[in-house]
Amino acid sequence: MIDLGYSLSTRFPDPPQTDYRSVGARALRHDLFSGDVHLEADGRELSTAWGWVPVLDFAWALCDIVEELDRDPAGPRASRLQQAELDFTESADRLRFSRRFNWVEIRADWTEAPPVTVRHPELRREARDFLQDLIADLSDLHEGFADNATVWDVQARYPRVR
């Protein structure tokens, strides 16, 4: 079981004059919504504690990575190792993902904690739920956010799965 969550930083608030309805993809992904991400699986935690992680970018990139790990035509029967990395803009640290068959190992550079292992379909479901929940929360917090065309695009690209 994997648990994903986030907290927004009070140290790095978004500029008050931001027009969330028209802000571009780069700003949405890299300049706004700083905080920390929480990732736990098998009782082990690979969370950040920096306060500056672009939370929307993390959720979006995680969904991209889950799909990247699923490009082998053999799907869950693929014995070939498939790898991807999620890098953090202001740091050399990375989350490293390795998939073989239907299992994904997730390792964090910033901790000595052992990697966590989850089933790929579960990671896909949880990543998409995390993204959709985050978008809903940000829509409640920021007027116009839900009307942003980039937000519509990412919502449509990564719908919830059951």
Protein backbone atom coordinates (compact mmCIF):
# COMPACT_ATOMS: atom_id res chain seq x y z
CA MET A 1 0.00 0.00 0.00
CA ILE A 2 1.30 3.44 -0.93
CA ASP A 3 0.22 6.69 0.66
CA LEU A 4 0.88 10.04 -1.03
CA GLY A 5 0.26 13.43 0.50
CA TYR A 6 1.51 16.99 0.60
CA SER A 7 1.75 20.11 2.70
CA LEU A 8 2.06 23.63 1.34
CA SER A 9 4.79 25.87 2.71
CA THR A 10 4.10 29.04 4.65
CA ARG A 11 7.73 30.12 4.06
CA PHE A 12 7.25 30.35 0.30
CA PRO A 13 3.74 31.71 -0.30
CA ASP A 14 2.46 32.26 -3.83
CA PRO A 15 2.44 35.92 -4.96
CA PRO A 16 -0.91 37.45 -3.95
CA GLN A 17 -1.44 39.06 -7.37
CA THR A 18 -1.29 35.73 -9.21
CA ASP A 19 -4.04 35.26 -11.80
CA TYR A 20 -4.44 31.48 -11.55
CA ARG A 21 -6.86 31.43 -14.46
CA SER A 22 -4.20 32.47 -16.98
CA VAL A 23 -0.85 31.51 -15.44
CA GLY A 24 1.26 29.34 -17.76
CA ALA A 25 2.37 25.73 -17.39
CA ARG A 26 5.93 26.67 -16.36
CA ALA A 27 4.74 28.84 -13.48
CA LEU A 28 2.15 26.24 -12.42
CA ARG A 29 4.78 23.53 -12.35
CA HIS A 30 7.81 25.35 -10.97
CA ASP A 31 6.99 28.71 -9.40
CA LEU A 32 3.81 28.10 -7.40
CA PHE A 33 2.53 25.76 -4.68
CA SER A 34 5.80 25.11 -2.83
CA GLY A 35 5.81 22.67 0.06
CA ASP A 36 6.66 19.09 0.82
CA VAL A 37 5.50 15.74 -0.47
CA HIS A 38 4.85 12.72 1.70
CA LEU A 39 5.37 9.23 0.33
CA GLU A 40 4.96 6.16 2.49
CA ALA A 41 4.74 2.49 1.64
CA ASP A 42 5.29 -0.69 3.61
CA GLY A 43 5.69 1.40 6.78
CA ARG A 44 8.69 3.25 5.30
CA GLU A 45 8.70 6.92 4.50
CA LEU A 46 10.44 8.70 1.62
CA SER A 47 9.05 12.19 2.30
CA THR A 48 10.75 15.54 1.75
CA ALA A 49 11.23 18.11 4.50
CA TRP A 50 12.61 21.02 2.53
CA GLY A 51 9.55 23.28 2.20
CA TRP A 52 10.30 24.32 -1.38
CA VAL A 53 9.23 21.31 -3.49
CA PRO A 54 6.83 22.40 -6.27
CA VAL A 55 3.97 20.15 -5.21
CA LEU A 56 1.90 20.34 -8.41
CA ASP A 57 4.99 19.58 -10.49
CA PHE A 58 5.75 16.58 -8.29
CA ALA A 59 2.24 15.16 -8.76
CA TRP A 60 2.30 15.80 -12.51
CA ALA A 61 5.82 14.36 -12.94
CA LEU A 62 4.91 11.29 -10.89
CA CYS A 63 2.01 10.56 -13.26
CA ASP A 64 4.38 11.02 -16.23
CA ILE A 65 6.88 8.59 -14.69
CA VAL A 66 4.25 5.94 -13.99
CA GLU A 67 3.30 6.02 -17.68
CA GLU A 68 6.96 6.00 -18.76
CA LEU A 69 7.47 2.83 -16.72
CA ASP A 70 4.65 1.18 -18.66
CA ARG A 71 6.03 1.53 -22.20
CA ASP A 72 7.28 -2.01 -22.58
CA PRO A 73 4.82 -3.87 -24.86
CA ALA A 74 4.98 -6.87 -22.51
CA GLY A 75 3.44 -4.74 -19.74
CA PRO A 76 3.36 -6.57 -16.39
CA ARG A 77 5.13 -9.55 -17.96
CA ALA A 78 8.18 -7.46 -18.91
CA SER A 79 11.32 -8.86 -17.33
CA ARG A 80 13.48 -6.05 -18.73
CA LEU A 81 14.28 -3.43 -16.09
CA GLN A 82 12.56 -0.11 -16.80
CA GLN A 83 13.90 2.94 -14.97
CA ALA A 84 12.96 6.58 -14.50
CA GLU A 85 13.97 9.44 -12.22
CA LEU A 86 12.13 12.36 -10.69
CA ASP A 87 14.58 15.17 -10.02
CA PHE A 88 14.07 18.14 -7.75
CA THR A 89 14.92 21.47 -9.38
CA GLU A 90 16.77 23.06 -6.47
CA SER A 91 18.62 19.93 -5.40
CA ALA A 92 20.72 17.09 -6.77
CA ASP A 93 18.43 14.62 -4.98
CA ARG A 94 16.21 12.32 -6.98
CA LEU A 95 13.50 9.74 -6.55
CA ARG A 96 14.54 6.71 -8.57
CA PHE A 97 11.99 4.26 -9.96
CA SER A 98 12.80 0.78 -11.23
CA ARG A 99 10.15 -1.54 -12.64
CA ARG A 100 10.50 -5.22 -13.36
CA PHE A 101 7.41 -7.30 -14.09
CA ASN A 102 4.60 -5.61 -12.17
CA TRP A 103 6.68 -4.26 -9.27
CA VAL A 104 8.14 -0.78 -8.90
CA GLU A 105 10.97 -0.08 -6.48
CA ILE A 106 11.20 3.55 -5.32
CA ARG A 107 14.45 4.82 -3.83
CA ALA A 108 15.17 8.33 -2.48
CA ASP A 109 18.67 9.80 -2.70
CA TRP A 110 18.22 11.93 0.43
CA THR A 111 17.68 9.11 2.88
CA GLU A 112 19.38 5.90 3.90
CA ALA A 113 15.96 4.28 4.23
CA PRO A 114 15.59 1.12 2.17
CA PRO A 115 13.58 1.46 -1.03
CA VAL A 116 9.87 0.81 -1.04
CA THR A 117 8.26 -1.60 -3.48
CA VAL A 118 4.72 -1.27 -4.81
CA ARG A 119 2.67 -2.82 -7.56
CA HIS A 120 2.60 -0.71 -10.73
CA PRO A 121 -1.23 -0.54 -11.01
CA GLU A 122 -1.42 0.64 -7.39
CA LEU A 123 1.22 3.31 -8.04
CA ARG A 124 -0.70 4.48 -11.12
CA ARG A 125 -3.99 4.67 -9.18
CA GLU A 126 -2.46 6.47 -6.19
CA ALA A 127 -0.45 8.92 -8.34
CA ARG A 128 -3.53 9.89 -10.32
CA ASP A 129 -5.69 10.18 -7.20
CA PHE A 130 -2.99 12.35 -5.62
CA LEU A 131 -2.90 14.64 -8.68
CA GLN A 132 -6.70 14.90 -8.92
CA ASP A 133 -7.06 15.54 -5.16
CA LEU A 134 -4.33 18.19 -5.28
CA ILE A 135 -6.04 19.93 -8.19
CA ALA A 136 -9.34 19.89 -6.29
CA ASP A 137 -7.65 21.35 -3.19
CA LEU A 138 -5.87 24.07 -5.19
CA SER A 139 -9.16 24.88 -6.94
CA ASP A 140 -10.77 25.43 -3.55
CA LEU A 141 -7.85 27.58 -2.36
CA HIS A 142 -7.27 29.76 -5.43
CA GLU A 143 -9.95 31.50 -7.44
CA GLY A 144 -9.62 30.83 -11.15
CA PHE A 145 -7.30 27.84 -10.79
CA ALA A 146 -9.98 25.38 -11.92
CA ASP A 147 -10.53 27.51 -15.06
CA ASN A 148 -6.91 27.30 -16.21
CA ALA A 149 -6.56 25.51 -19.58
CA THR A 150 -3.32 23.81 -18.49
CA VAL A 151 -5.09 22.40 -15.44
CA TRP A 152 -7.89 21.10 -17.67
CA ASP A 153 -5.29 19.43 -19.90
CA VAL A 154 -3.48 17.65 -17.07
CA GLN A 155 -6.79 16.56 -15.51
CA ALA A 156 -7.88 15.04 -18.81
CA ARG A 157 -4.50 13.39 -19.42
CA TYR A 158 -4.45 11.69 -16.01
CA PRO A 159 -8.01 10.82 -14.95
CA ARG A 160 -8.65 8.67 -11.92
CA VAL A 161 -8.44 4.92 -12.51
CA ARG A 162 -10.18 2.14 -10.63
